N, C-alpha and C. Protein backbone atom coordinates (compact mmCIF):
# COMPACT_ATOMS: atom_id res chain seq x y z
N UNK A 1 -114.38 38.00 3.56
CA UNK A 1 -113.39 39.10 3.74
C UNK A 1 -112.02 38.70 3.20
N UNK A 2 -111.35 39.65 2.60
CA UNK A 2 -110.03 39.34 2.05
C UNK A 2 -108.98 39.33 3.12
N UNK A 3 -108.08 38.38 3.04
CA UNK A 3 -107.00 38.31 4.04
C UNK A 3 -105.89 39.27 3.68
N UNK A 4 -105.24 39.82 4.69
CA UNK A 4 -104.14 40.77 4.43
C UNK A 4 -103.01 40.11 3.65
N UNK A 5 -102.66 40.69 2.54
CA UNK A 5 -101.60 40.10 1.72
C UNK A 5 -100.29 40.89 1.91
N UNK A 6 -99.19 40.17 2.08
CA UNK A 6 -97.90 40.85 2.25
C UNK A 6 -97.57 41.72 1.06
N UNK A 7 -96.77 42.75 1.30
CA UNK A 7 -96.43 43.69 0.21
C UNK A 7 -95.69 42.95 -0.91
N UNK A 8 -94.94 41.95 -0.55
CA UNK A 8 -94.16 41.24 -1.58
C UNK A 8 -95.09 40.39 -2.46
N UNK A 9 -96.12 39.85 -1.85
CA UNK A 9 -97.01 38.97 -2.62
C UNK A 9 -97.96 39.80 -3.50
N UNK A 10 -98.24 41.00 -3.05
CA UNK A 10 -99.20 41.84 -3.81
C UNK A 10 -98.70 42.10 -5.24
N UNK A 11 -97.52 42.60 -5.39
CA UNK A 11 -97.00 42.87 -6.75
C UNK A 11 -96.97 41.61 -7.60
N UNK A 12 -96.67 40.50 -6.97
CA UNK A 12 -96.62 39.24 -7.72
C UNK A 12 -98.00 38.91 -8.28
N UNK A 13 -99.00 39.04 -7.43
CA UNK A 13 -100.37 38.74 -7.88
C UNK A 13 -100.75 39.70 -8.99
N UNK A 14 -100.33 40.94 -8.83
CA UNK A 14 -100.67 41.96 -9.85
C UNK A 14 -100.03 41.55 -11.18
N UNK A 15 -98.79 41.16 -11.10
CA UNK A 15 -98.06 40.77 -12.32
C UNK A 15 -98.77 39.58 -12.97
N UNK A 16 -99.14 38.63 -12.15
CA UNK A 16 -99.80 37.44 -12.69
C UNK A 16 -101.11 37.83 -13.37
N UNK A 17 -101.83 38.73 -12.73
CA UNK A 17 -103.12 39.17 -13.31
C UNK A 17 -102.86 39.84 -14.65
N UNK A 18 -101.87 40.69 -14.66
CA UNK A 18 -101.53 41.41 -15.90
C UNK A 18 -101.17 40.41 -16.99
N UNK A 19 -100.39 39.42 -16.61
CA UNK A 19 -99.96 38.41 -17.59
C UNK A 19 -101.19 37.68 -18.13
N UNK A 20 -102.06 37.27 -17.23
CA UNK A 20 -103.25 36.52 -17.66
C UNK A 20 -104.10 37.40 -18.59
N UNK A 21 -104.18 38.68 -18.25
CA UNK A 21 -104.98 39.61 -19.06
C UNK A 21 -104.39 39.67 -20.47
N UNK A 22 -103.11 39.85 -20.55
CA UNK A 22 -102.44 39.95 -21.85
C UNK A 22 -102.65 38.63 -22.62
N UNK A 23 -102.48 37.53 -21.90
CA UNK A 23 -102.63 36.22 -22.54
C UNK A 23 -104.05 36.09 -23.10
N UNK A 24 -105.01 36.50 -22.32
CA UNK A 24 -106.42 36.38 -22.75
C UNK A 24 -106.64 37.29 -23.95
N UNK A 25 -106.14 38.48 -23.85
CA UNK A 25 -106.30 39.45 -24.95
C UNK A 25 -105.70 38.86 -26.24
N UNK A 26 -104.52 38.31 -26.12
CA UNK A 26 -103.85 37.74 -27.30
C UNK A 26 -104.68 36.58 -27.84
N UNK A 27 -105.15 35.75 -26.95
CA UNK A 27 -105.95 34.58 -27.37
C UNK A 27 -107.19 35.07 -28.13
N UNK A 28 -107.85 36.05 -27.56
CA UNK A 28 -109.06 36.56 -28.21
C UNK A 28 -108.70 37.14 -29.56
N UNK A 29 -107.59 37.83 -29.60
CA UNK A 29 -107.16 38.45 -30.86
C UNK A 29 -106.92 37.36 -31.92
N UNK A 30 -106.22 36.34 -31.51
CA UNK A 30 -105.90 35.26 -32.45
C UNK A 30 -107.20 34.59 -32.92
N UNK A 31 -108.09 34.36 -31.98
CA UNK A 31 -109.34 33.69 -32.34
C UNK A 31 -110.15 34.58 -33.27
N UNK A 32 -110.12 35.86 -32.99
CA UNK A 32 -110.89 36.82 -33.80
C UNK A 32 -110.36 36.83 -35.23
N UNK A 33 -109.06 36.79 -35.35
CA UNK A 33 -108.47 36.87 -36.70
C UNK A 33 -108.86 35.65 -37.54
């Protein structure tokens, strides 16, 4: 079960996920090229 995350930590995790996603996308793009 997931533990309750504070409202302040939630956006941070979201941002981090978004960043990782972008980073991965860029990496894949570079590798693809």
